Amino acid sequence: MLSTFLSAKIYKNVSKAKTSRRLPDSQEGSEQRHLRIYRTIRERISLLEYTPGMVLSEAELATEFDVSRTPIRRVLQRLHYEGLTEIRNGVGTIVKDIDIKMMKEIYDLRMHLAEAFLEEAKLIGAKLDRATMLITIMHRANFTGASLVSANVRQALGRGAVFIRADLSGADLGWAVLVGADFRQANLSGAILEGADVSGADFTGAICTDASPCYSASCDQRAYAD
């Protein structure tokens, strides 16, 4: 929702002429009509065409959409439940004020959480040098041929992750769980693997020069042989 509100400053001049297409009354059911009105009003609120504090008149909206007040009241109640409007005694339904700062913080948090989940992601050949993937979930993610030079992958969870021919030189994989990961022909020169769990991982042909040892009992020390 935040991204919609932030975009409002850019799209504020969008014309109300965008009112949704309407089917003839004979073809439009009550639920279709409800969704059409709901989406139109919600879009206007989101794009700040209906500004915070503005009173939404049931009578005027009913006239505009050529319906009785009942479907308008249903739509306004739904928007109230979603936190977009509030009902004030003696005033009616008004567009709720928006705390942009709070919404930005929520958006930033959601973006951070989204980045923290790379499960089964396809990142073949991706350029992720110096990327921060701390505590990232990357089970079965495919990093074949990717560049993760000096990346922070500390405490990541990547069971079955694929790093074939990936460049992990100088990357920090400390205390990561990479059980069964595929590091064939990967470059792990100078990588930090302290405390990592790489049991069952395949390091065939991997370059492990100066890679720090893993102190976990489940780590195969042979993986770090040059």
Protein backbone atom coordinates (compact mmCIF):
# COMPACT_ATOMS: atom_id res chain seq x y z
CA MET A 1 0.00 0.00 0.00
CA LEU A 2 2.85 2.38 0.77
CA SER A 3 4.27 2.23 -2.72
CA THR A 4 0.87 3.27 -4.03
CA PHE A 5 0.76 6.25 -1.68
CA LEU A 6 4.30 7.30 -2.48
CA SER A 7 3.53 7.05 -6.19
CA ALA A 8 0.63 9.43 -5.62
CA LYS A 9 2.85 12.48 -5.75
CA ILE A 10 3.84 11.47 -9.27
CA TYR A 11 0.41 10.47 -10.47
CA LYS A 12 -1.65 13.03 -8.60
CA ASN A 13 -2.74 14.67 -11.84
CA VAL A 14 -4.30 11.50 -13.16
CA SER A 15 -7.76 12.40 -14.36
CA LYS A 16 -10.90 11.09 -12.72
CA ALA A 17 -11.99 10.27 -16.23
CA LYS A 18 -10.41 6.87 -15.56
CA THR A 19 -13.60 5.73 -13.81
CA SER A 20 -13.81 2.02 -14.52
CA ARG A 21 -15.61 0.63 -17.53
CA ARG A 22 -19.15 -0.31 -16.80
CA LEU A 23 -21.28 -3.12 -18.11
CA PRO A 24 -24.95 -2.53 -18.90
CA ASP A 25 -27.13 -2.98 -15.79
CA SER A 26 -28.61 -6.11 -17.33
CA GLN A 27 -25.16 -7.74 -17.47
CA GLU A 28 -23.55 -6.41 -14.28
CA GLY A 29 -24.27 -8.39 -11.10
CA SER A 30 -24.25 -6.90 -7.60
CA GLU A 31 -20.77 -8.24 -6.80
CA GLN A 32 -19.33 -6.93 -10.07
CA ARG A 33 -20.86 -3.54 -9.31
CA HIS A 34 -19.47 -3.61 -5.77
CA LEU A 35 -15.95 -4.37 -7.03
CA ARG A 36 -16.15 -1.70 -9.73
CA ILE A 37 -17.15 1.01 -7.26
CA TYR A 38 -14.73 -0.21 -4.59
CA ARG A 39 -11.74 -0.25 -6.94
CA THR A 40 -12.54 3.19 -8.33
CA ILE A 41 -12.90 4.84 -4.92
CA ARG A 42 -9.88 3.01 -3.52
CA GLU A 43 -7.77 4.15 -6.47
CA ARG A 44 -8.84 7.75 -5.96
CA ILE A 45 -7.86 7.56 -2.28
CA SER A 46 -4.55 5.88 -3.09
CA LEU A 47 -3.67 8.50 -5.71
CA LEU A 48 -4.73 11.32 -3.37
CA GLU A 49 -7.50 12.43 -5.69
CA TYR A 50 -9.57 12.07 -2.52
CA THR A 51 -7.29 13.87 -0.08
CA PRO A 52 -6.94 13.09 3.65
CA GLY A 53 -9.79 14.64 5.63
CA MET A 54 -12.14 14.77 2.64
CA VAL A 55 -15.74 13.76 3.40
CA LEU A 56 -17.07 11.02 1.13
CA SER A 57 -20.75 11.73 0.58
CA GLU A 58 -22.89 8.65 0.13
CA ALA A 59 -25.49 10.68 -1.76
CA GLU A 60 -22.99 12.17 -4.21
CA LEU A 61 -21.26 8.85 -4.83
CA ALA A 62 -24.60 7.11 -5.31
CA THR A 63 -25.54 9.70 -7.91
CA GLU A 64 -22.17 9.44 -9.68
CA PHE A 65 -22.29 5.64 -9.90
CA ASP A 66 -26.06 5.58 -10.55
CA VAL A 67 -26.81 3.23 -7.65
CA SER A 68 -28.65 3.41 -4.36
CA ARG A 69 -26.82 4.29 -1.15
CA THR A 70 -26.68 0.66 -0.04
CA PRO A 71 -23.82 -0.50 -2.32
CA ILE A 72 -21.95 2.76 -1.59
CA ARG A 73 -22.31 2.14 2.15
CA ARG A 74 -20.90 -1.39 1.71
CA VAL A 75 -17.89 -0.04 -0.18
CA LEU A 76 -17.21 2.65 2.43
CA GLN A 77 -17.42 0.08 5.22
CA ARG A 78 -14.91 -2.12 3.41
CA LEU A 79 -12.53 0.82 3.00
CA HIS A 80 -12.99 1.58 6.70
CA TYR A 81 -12.00 -1.98 7.63
CA GLU A 82 -8.90 -1.60 5.45
CA GLY A 83 -7.91 1.53 7.34
CA LEU A 84 -8.33 3.92 4.40
CA THR A 85 -11.30 5.80 5.85
CA GLU A 86 -12.77 6.55 9.24
CA ILE A 87 -16.30 7.19 10.39
CA ARG A 88 -16.97 10.25 12.53
CA ASN A 89 -20.26 10.86 14.28
CA GLY A 90 -22.05 13.86 12.86
CA VAL A 91 -19.65 14.07 9.93
CA GLY A 92 -19.75 10.79 8.04
CA THR A 93 -17.02 8.88 6.26
CA ILE A 94 -13.78 10.75 5.71
CA VAL A 95 -10.52 9.80 4.05
CA LYS A 96 -8.05 8.85 6.74
CA ASP A 97 -4.84 10.82 7.19
CA ILE A 98 -1.69 8.97 6.17
CA ASP A 99 1.50 8.86 8.18
CA ILE A 100 3.96 8.84 5.26
CA LYS A 101 6.96 8.35 7.54
CA MET A 102 5.41 5.30 9.19
CA MET A 103 4.35 3.86 5.85
CA LYS A 104 7.87 4.33 4.47
CA GLU A 105 9.28 2.43 7.45
CA ILE A 106 6.81 -0.39 6.83
CA TYR A 107 7.69 -0.42 3.14
CA ASP A 108 11.43 -0.52 3.89
CA LEU A 109 10.87 -3.40 6.32
CA ARG A 110 8.81 -5.33 3.76
CA MET A 111 11.48 -4.81 1.13
CA HIS A 112 14.14 -6.05 3.56
CA LEU A 113 12.09 -9.15 4.37
CA ALA A 114 11.47 -9.78 0.68
CA GLU A 115 15.20 -9.66 0.02
CA ALA A 116 15.75 -12.11 2.89
CA PHE A 117 13.88 -14.87 1.04
CA LEU A 118 15.68 -16.29 -1.98
CA GLU A 119 14.39 -19.84 -1.67
CA GLU A 120 14.62 -21.58 -5.06
CA ALA A 121 15.55 -18.25 -6.65
CA LYS A 122 17.23 -18.33 -10.06
CA LEU A 123 20.27 -16.02 -9.84
CA ILE A 124 22.36 -17.59 -12.58
CA GLY A 125 25.17 -15.25 -13.58
CA ALA A 126 23.95 -12.54 -11.21
CA LYS A 127 26.32 -9.75 -10.15
CA LEU A 128 26.11 -9.67 -6.36
CA ASP A 129 29.54 -8.39 -5.39
CA ARG A 130 29.57 -7.02 -1.83
CA ALA A 131 25.88 -7.84 -1.49
CA THR A 132 24.45 -8.26 2.00
CA MET A 133 22.51 -11.50 2.40
CA LEU A 134 22.85 -11.84 6.16
CA ILE A 135 20.53 -14.54 7.56
CA THR A 136 19.01 -14.94 4.10
CA ILE A 137 16.97 -18.06 3.35
CA MET A 138 18.24 -19.47 0.07
CA HIS A 139 17.37 -23.16 0.11
CA ARG A 140 17.90 -24.65 -3.36
CA ALA A 141 18.67 -21.22 -4.84
CA ASN A 142 20.73 -21.36 -8.04
CA PHE A 143 23.80 -19.07 -8.10
CA THR A 144 25.53 -20.85 -10.99
CA GLY A 145 28.19 -18.57 -12.45
CA ALA A 146 27.18 -15.71 -10.16
CA SER A 147 29.67 -13.20 -8.79
CA LEU A 148 29.50 -12.84 -5.00
CA VAL A 149 32.92 -11.33 -4.40
CA SER A 150 33.19 -10.11 -0.78
CA ALA A 151 29.47 -10.72 -0.28
CA ASN A 152 28.10 -11.06 3.25
CA VAL A 153 26.30 -14.40 3.35
CA ARG A 154 26.85 -14.89 7.07
CA GLN A 155 24.37 -17.16 8.88
CA ALA A 156 22.47 -17.80 5.64
CA LEU A 157 20.33 -20.93 5.31
CA GLY A 158 21.00 -22.52 1.96
CA ARG A 159 20.43 -26.26 2.00
CA GLY A 160 20.97 -27.60 -1.49
CA ALA A 161 22.00 -24.22 -2.88
CA VAL A 162 23.96 -24.30 -6.14
CA PHE A 163 27.17 -22.26 -6.50
CA ILE A 164 28.68 -24.01 -9.53
CA ARG A 165 31.46 -21.82 -11.02
CA ALA A 166 30.37 -18.97 -8.74
CA ASP A 167 32.97 -16.44 -7.59
CA LEU A 168 32.81 -16.34 -3.78
CA SER A 169 36.30 -14.98 -3.28
CA GLY A 170 36.49 -13.02 -0.05
CA ALA A 171 32.85 -13.79 0.76
CA ASP A 172 31.79 -14.20 4.38
CA LEU A 173 29.94 -17.50 4.82
CA GLY A 174 30.54 -17.67 8.55
CA TRP A 175 28.07 -19.87 10.45
CA ALA A 176 25.98 -20.39 7.34
CA VAL A 177 24.05 -23.64 6.91
CA LEU A 178 24.87 -24.84 3.41
CA VAL A 179 24.24 -28.55 3.81
CA GLY A 180 24.41 -30.38 0.50
CA ALA A 181 25.38 -27.22 -1.38
CA ASP A 182 27.09 -27.55 -4.77
CA PHE A 183 30.37 -25.61 -4.95
CA ARG A 184 31.85 -27.43 -7.95
CA GLN A 185 34.47 -25.28 -9.71
CA ALA A 186 33.56 -22.34 -7.48
CA ASN A 187 36.15 -19.79 -6.42
CA LEU A 188 36.31 -19.65 -2.62
CA SER A 189 39.72 -17.99 -2.38
CA GLY A 190 39.93 -16.04 0.87
CA ALA A 191 36.35 -16.89 1.79
CA ILE A 192 35.39 -17.00 5.47
CA LEU A 193 33.77 -20.31 6.38
CA GLU A 194 34.27 -20.26 10.12
CA GLY A 195 31.53 -22.23 11.88
CA ALA A 196 29.71 -22.98 8.63
CA ASP A 197 27.88 -26.27 8.15
CA VAL A 198 28.74 -27.56 4.68
CA SER A 199 28.26 -31.25 5.36
CA GLY A 200 27.49 -33.16 2.19
CA ALA A 201 28.57 -30.23 0.02
CA ASP A 202 30.38 -30.90 -3.26
CA PHE A 203 33.65 -28.94 -3.65
CA THR A 204 34.94 -30.83 -6.69
CA GLY A 205 37.30 -28.58 -8.62
CA ALA A 206 36.70 -25.66 -6.27
CA ILE A 207 39.48 -23.15 -5.60
CA CYS A 208 39.82 -22.78 -1.83
CA THR A 209 43.17 -20.99 -1.48
CA ASP A 210 43.38 -19.14 1.85
CA ALA A 211 39.78 -19.98 2.71
CA SER A 212 39.37 -19.97 6.49
CA PRO A 213 38.66 -23.37 8.07
CA CYS A 214 35.25 -24.35 9.29
CA TYR A 215 35.18 -25.34 12.93
CA SER A 216 31.80 -27.04 12.81
CA ALA A 217 32.00 -30.79 13.39
CA SER A 218 29.76 -31.32 10.37
CA CYS A 219 32.15 -29.54 8.03
CA ASP A 220 34.32 -31.61 5.73
CA GLN A 221 37.83 -30.20 6.26
CA ARG A 222 38.96 -31.78 3.00
CA ALA A 223 36.86 -29.19 1.21
CA TYR A 224 39.47 -26.55 1.91
CA ALA A 225 42.42 -28.33 0.40
CA ASP A 226 43.99 -26.49 -2.52
